[in-house]
């Protein structure tokens, strides 16, 4: 087994255990001396092409929208936006986002890129021996 496969197996096997341990570790530095056993399988998927649409800057969109409104309405819109940012009612922006992304793509603002395939696994992580000193 090469070093890359070993590193990925350790990462993937420990991921779930580490998430569950988060917040349960006492403050301080802890020396660790442990032996683990990882068994199972790891699968690297094939590379694939992914399409990326350039993102629109929300501040630019806001400035463009405000430029098209009478000056008196700017303050009301900005106040509503500030309230939404501070936890108030937020409008559903999914349709606007979709429309803007489609327009950016139509104007040539999309690229394709080869990306690594997903790593999937069926691994078990077992601590075989452990020695730890708390609060070193």
C-alpha atoms as a PDB file:
ATOM      1  CA  UNK A   1       0.000   0.000   0.000  1.00  0.00           C
ATOM      2  CA  UNK A   2       1.491   3.371  -0.951  1.00  0.00           C
ATOM      3  CA  UNK A   3       1.799   6.369   1.375  1.00  0.00           C
ATOM      4  CA  UNK A   4      -1.098   8.277  -0.228  1.00  0.00           C
ATOM      5  CA  UNK A   5      -3.517   5.386   0.255  1.00  0.00           C
ATOM      6  CA  UNK A   6      -2.354   5.002   3.858  1.00  0.00           C
ATOM      7  CA  UNK A   7      -2.845   8.711   4.587  1.00  0.00           C
ATOM      8  CA  UNK A   8      -6.315   8.751   3.011  1.00  0.00           C
ATOM      9  CA  UNK A   9      -7.350   5.606   4.918  1.00  0.00           C
ATOM     10  CA  UNK A  10      -6.273   7.151   8.225  1.00  0.00           C
ATOM     11  CA  UNK A  11      -8.107  10.388   7.424  1.00  0.00           C
ATOM     12  CA  UNK A  12     -11.348   8.743   6.308  1.00  0.00           C
ATOM     13  CA  UNK A  13     -11.402   6.183   9.128  1.00  0.00           C
ATOM     14  CA  UNK A  14     -10.770   8.798  11.820  1.00  0.00           C
ATOM     15  CA  UNK A  15     -13.160  11.433  10.406  1.00  0.00           C
ATOM     16  CA  UNK A  16     -16.348  10.219  12.090  1.00  0.00           C
ATOM     17  CA  UNK A  17     -14.605   9.401  15.376  1.00  0.00           C
ATOM     18  CA  UNK A  18     -12.987  12.841  15.401  1.00  0.00           C
ATOM     19  CA  UNK A  19     -16.317  14.607  14.777  1.00  0.00           C
ATOM     20  CA  UNK A  20     -17.845  12.810  17.770  1.00  0.00           C
ATOM     21  CA  UNK A  21     -14.865  13.753  19.980  1.00  0.00           C
ATOM     22  CA  UNK A  22     -14.992  17.455  19.135  1.00  0.00           C
ATOM     23  CA  UNK A  23     -15.722  19.482  22.241  1.00  0.00           C
ATOM     24  CA  UNK A  24     -14.974  16.564  24.597  1.00  0.00           C
ATOM     25  CA  UNK A  25     -11.215  17.155  24.738  1.00  0.00           C
ATOM     26  CA  UNK A  26     -10.000  18.983  27.856  1.00  0.00           C
ATOM     27  CA  UNK A  27      -8.161  22.265  27.348  1.00  0.00           C
ATOM     28  CA  UNK A  28      -4.388  21.824  27.289  1.00  0.00           C
ATOM     29  CA  UNK A  29      -1.671  19.980  25.457  1.00  0.00           C
ATOM     30  CA  UNK A  30      -1.899  16.189  25.396  1.00  0.00           C
ATOM     31  CA  UNK A  31       0.919  13.830  24.456  1.00  0.00           C
ATOM     32  CA  UNK A  32      -0.414  10.839  22.606  1.00  0.00           C
ATOM     33  CA  UNK A  33       1.164   7.455  21.992  1.00  0.00           C
ATOM     34  CA  UNK A  34      -1.274   5.089  20.364  1.00  0.00           C
ATOM     35  CA  UNK A  35      -1.511   2.231  17.945  1.00  0.00           C
ATOM     36  CA  UNK A  36      -4.556   1.885  15.700  1.00  0.00           C
ATOM     37  CA  UNK A  37      -5.802  -0.745  13.335  1.00  0.00           C
ATOM     38  CA  UNK A  38      -7.732   0.302  10.247  1.00  0.00           C
ATOM     39  CA  UNK A  39      -9.441  -2.349   8.148  1.00  0.00           C
ATOM     40  CA  UNK A  40     -11.796  -2.260   5.217  1.00  0.00           C
ATOM     41  CA  UNK A  41     -11.659  -0.786   1.760  1.00  0.00           C
ATOM     42  CA  UNK A  42     -11.046   2.577   0.146  1.00  0.00           C
ATOM     43  CA  UNK A  43     -12.207   3.451  -3.375  1.00  0.00           C
ATOM     44  CA  UNK A  44     -10.955   6.347  -5.509  1.00  0.00           C
ATOM     45  CA  UNK A  45     -13.483   7.308  -8.163  1.00  0.00           C
ATOM     46  CA  UNK A  46     -12.562   8.301 -11.711  1.00  0.00           C
ATOM     47  CA  UNK A  47     -11.794  11.901 -12.623  1.00  0.00           C
ATOM     48  CA  UNK A  48     -14.732  13.722 -14.152  1.00  0.00           C
ATOM     49  CA  UNK A  49     -15.539  17.016 -15.810  1.00  0.00           C
ATOM     50  CA  UNK A  50     -17.400  19.552 -13.701  1.00  0.00           C
ATOM     51  CA  UNK A  51     -18.963  22.761 -14.929  1.00  0.00           C
ATOM     52  CA  UNK A  52     -18.418  25.902 -12.863  1.00  0.00           C
ATOM     53  CA  UNK A  53     -20.507  29.021 -13.399  1.00  0.00           C
ATOM     54  CA  UNK A  54     -18.824  32.255 -12.386  1.00  0.00           C
ATOM     55  CA  UNK A  55     -20.472  33.737  -9.301  1.00  0.00           C
ATOM     56  CA  UNK A  56     -22.156  37.121  -9.373  1.00  0.00           C
ATOM     57  CA  UNK A  57     -21.061  39.614  -6.731  1.00  0.00           C
ATOM     58  CA  UNK A  58     -24.131  40.377  -4.594  1.00  0.00           C
ATOM     59  CA  UNK A  59     -22.889  43.920  -3.910  1.00  0.00           C
ATOM     60  CA  UNK A  60     -22.618  44.626  -7.634  1.00  0.00           C
ATOM     61  CA  UNK A  61     -26.121  43.262  -8.188  1.00  0.00           C
ATOM     62  CA  UNK A  62     -27.449  45.450  -5.358  1.00  0.00           C
ATOM     63  CA  UNK A  63     -25.727  48.547  -6.758  1.00  0.00           C
ATOM     64  CA  UNK A  64     -27.125  47.862 -10.234  1.00  0.00           C
ATOM     65  CA  UNK A  65     -30.627  47.336  -8.845  1.00  0.00           C
ATOM     66  CA  UNK A  66     -30.479  50.516  -6.758  1.00  0.00           C
ATOM     67  CA  UNK A  67     -29.271  52.529  -9.753  1.00  0.00           C
ATOM     68  CA  UNK A  68     -32.497  51.621 -11.549  1.00  0.00           C
ATOM     69  CA  UNK A  69     -34.760  52.837  -8.708  1.00  0.00           C
ATOM     70  CA  UNK A  70     -35.727  56.323  -7.642  1.00  0.00           C
ATOM     71  CA  UNK A  71     -33.237  57.638  -5.053  1.00  0.00           C
ATOM     72  CA  UNK A  72     -35.918  57.837  -2.345  1.00  0.00           C
ATOM     73  CA  UNK A  73     -36.419  54.064  -2.315  1.00  0.00           C
ATOM     74  CA  UNK A  74     -32.751  53.245  -1.627  1.00  0.00           C
ATOM     75  CA  UNK A  75     -32.950  53.781   2.134  1.00  0.00           C
ATOM     76  CA  UNK A  76     -35.994  51.508   2.529  1.00  0.00           C
ATOM     77  CA  UNK A  77     -34.354  48.685   0.609  1.00  0.00           C
ATOM     78  CA  UNK A  78     -31.036  49.042   2.427  1.00  0.00           C
ATOM     79  CA  UNK A  79     -32.821  49.122   5.810  1.00  0.00           C
ATOM     80  CA  UNK A  80     -34.764  45.943   4.941  1.00  0.00           C
ATOM     81  CA  UNK A  81     -31.510  44.299   3.833  1.00  0.00           C
ATOM     82  CA  UNK A  82     -29.800  45.245   7.098  1.00  0.00           C
ATOM     83  CA  UNK A  83     -32.723  43.829   9.113  1.00  0.00           C
ATOM     84  CA  UNK A  84     -32.575  40.577   7.125  1.00  0.00           C
ATOM     85  CA  UNK A  85     -28.805  40.353   7.732  1.00  0.00           C
ATOM     86  CA  UNK A  86     -29.427  40.742  11.473  1.00  0.00           C
ATOM     87  CA  UNK A  87     -31.850  37.827  11.603  1.00  0.00           C
ATOM     88  CA  UNK A  88     -35.042  39.305  10.256  1.00  0.00           C
ATOM     89  CA  UNK A  89     -37.256  37.854   7.554  1.00  0.00           C
ATOM     90  CA  UNK A  90     -35.258  36.899   4.469  1.00  0.00           C
ATOM     91  CA  UNK A  91     -36.877  36.650   1.049  1.00  0.00           C
ATOM     92  CA  UNK A  92     -36.308  33.509  -0.994  1.00  0.00           C
ATOM     93  CA  UNK A  93     -33.545  34.439  -3.422  1.00  0.00           C
ATOM     94  CA  UNK A  94     -33.246  31.026  -5.108  1.00  0.00           C
ATOM     95  CA  UNK A  95     -35.110  32.082  -8.287  1.00  0.00           C
ATOM     96  CA  UNK A  96     -33.030  35.267  -8.637  1.00  0.00           C
ATOM     97  CA  UNK A  97     -29.827  33.287  -8.087  1.00  0.00           C
ATOM     98  CA  UNK A  98     -30.856  30.709 -10.689  1.00  0.00           C
ATOM     99  CA  UNK A  99     -31.749  33.394 -13.253  1.00  0.00           C
ATOM    100  CA  UNK A 100     -28.457  35.273 -12.727  1.00  0.00           C
ATOM    101  CA  UNK A 101     -26.417  32.042 -12.996  1.00  0.00           C
ATOM    102  CA  UNK A 102     -28.212  31.131 -16.237  1.00  0.00           C
ATOM    103  CA  UNK A 103     -27.484  34.583 -17.672  1.00  0.00           C
ATOM    104  CA  UNK A 104     -23.813  34.425 -16.649  1.00  0.00           C
ATOM    105  CA  UNK A 105     -23.544  31.023 -18.312  1.00  0.00           C
ATOM    106  CA  UNK A 106     -25.292  32.319 -21.453  1.00  0.00           C
ATOM    107  CA  UNK A 107     -22.782  35.189 -21.629  1.00  0.00           C
ATOM    108  CA  UNK A 108     -19.881  32.735 -21.489  1.00  0.00           C
ATOM    109  CA  UNK A 109     -19.095  32.905 -17.784  1.00  0.00           C
ATOM    110  CA  UNK A 110     -18.887  29.155 -17.275  1.00  0.00           C
ATOM    111  CA  UNK A 111     -15.853  26.926 -17.366  1.00  0.00           C
ATOM    112  CA  UNK A 112     -15.289  23.216 -17.191  1.00  0.00           C
ATOM    113  CA  UNK A 113     -12.557  21.610 -15.185  1.00  0.00           C
ATOM    114  CA  UNK A 114     -11.340  18.075 -14.566  1.00  0.00           C
ATOM    115  CA  UNK A 115     -11.769  17.204 -10.896  1.00  0.00           C
ATOM    116  CA  UNK A 116     -10.662  14.228  -8.853  1.00  0.00           C
ATOM    117  CA  UNK A 117     -13.205  11.512  -8.318  1.00  0.00           C
ATOM    118  CA  UNK A 118     -14.750  11.039  -4.905  1.00  0.00           C
ATOM    119  CA  UNK A 119     -13.101   8.877  -2.295  1.00  0.00           C
ATOM    120  CA  UNK A 120     -15.529   6.451  -0.689  1.00  0.00           C
ATOM    121  CA  UNK A 121     -14.751   3.961   2.005  1.00  0.00           C
ATOM    122  CA  UNK A 122     -15.923   1.206   4.258  1.00  0.00           C
ATOM    123  CA  UNK A 123     -13.371   1.377   7.051  1.00  0.00           C
ATOM    124  CA  UNK A 124     -13.274   0.515  10.722  1.00  0.00           C
ATOM    125  CA  UNK A 125     -11.009   2.338  13.131  1.00  0.00           C
ATOM    126  CA  UNK A 126      -9.892   0.474  16.234  1.00  0.00           C
ATOM    127  CA  UNK A 127      -7.497   1.692  18.919  1.00  0.00           C
ATOM    128  CA  UNK A 128      -5.243  -1.257  19.736  1.00  0.00           C
ATOM    129  CA  UNK A 129      -3.061   0.359  22.425  1.00  0.00           C
ATOM    130  CA  UNK A 130      -3.016   3.817  23.970  1.00  0.00           C
ATOM    131  CA  UNK A 131      -0.949   5.744  26.463  1.00  0.00           C
ATOM    132  CA  UNK A 132      -1.840   9.343  27.147  1.00  0.00           C
ATOM    133  CA  UNK A 133      -0.805  11.991  29.621  1.00  0.00           C
ATOM    134  CA  UNK A 134      -3.404  14.694  30.216  1.00  0.00           C
ATOM    135  CA  UNK A 135      -2.377  18.288  30.699  1.00  0.00           C
ATOM    136  CA  UNK A 136       1.285  18.015  29.783  1.00  0.00           C
END
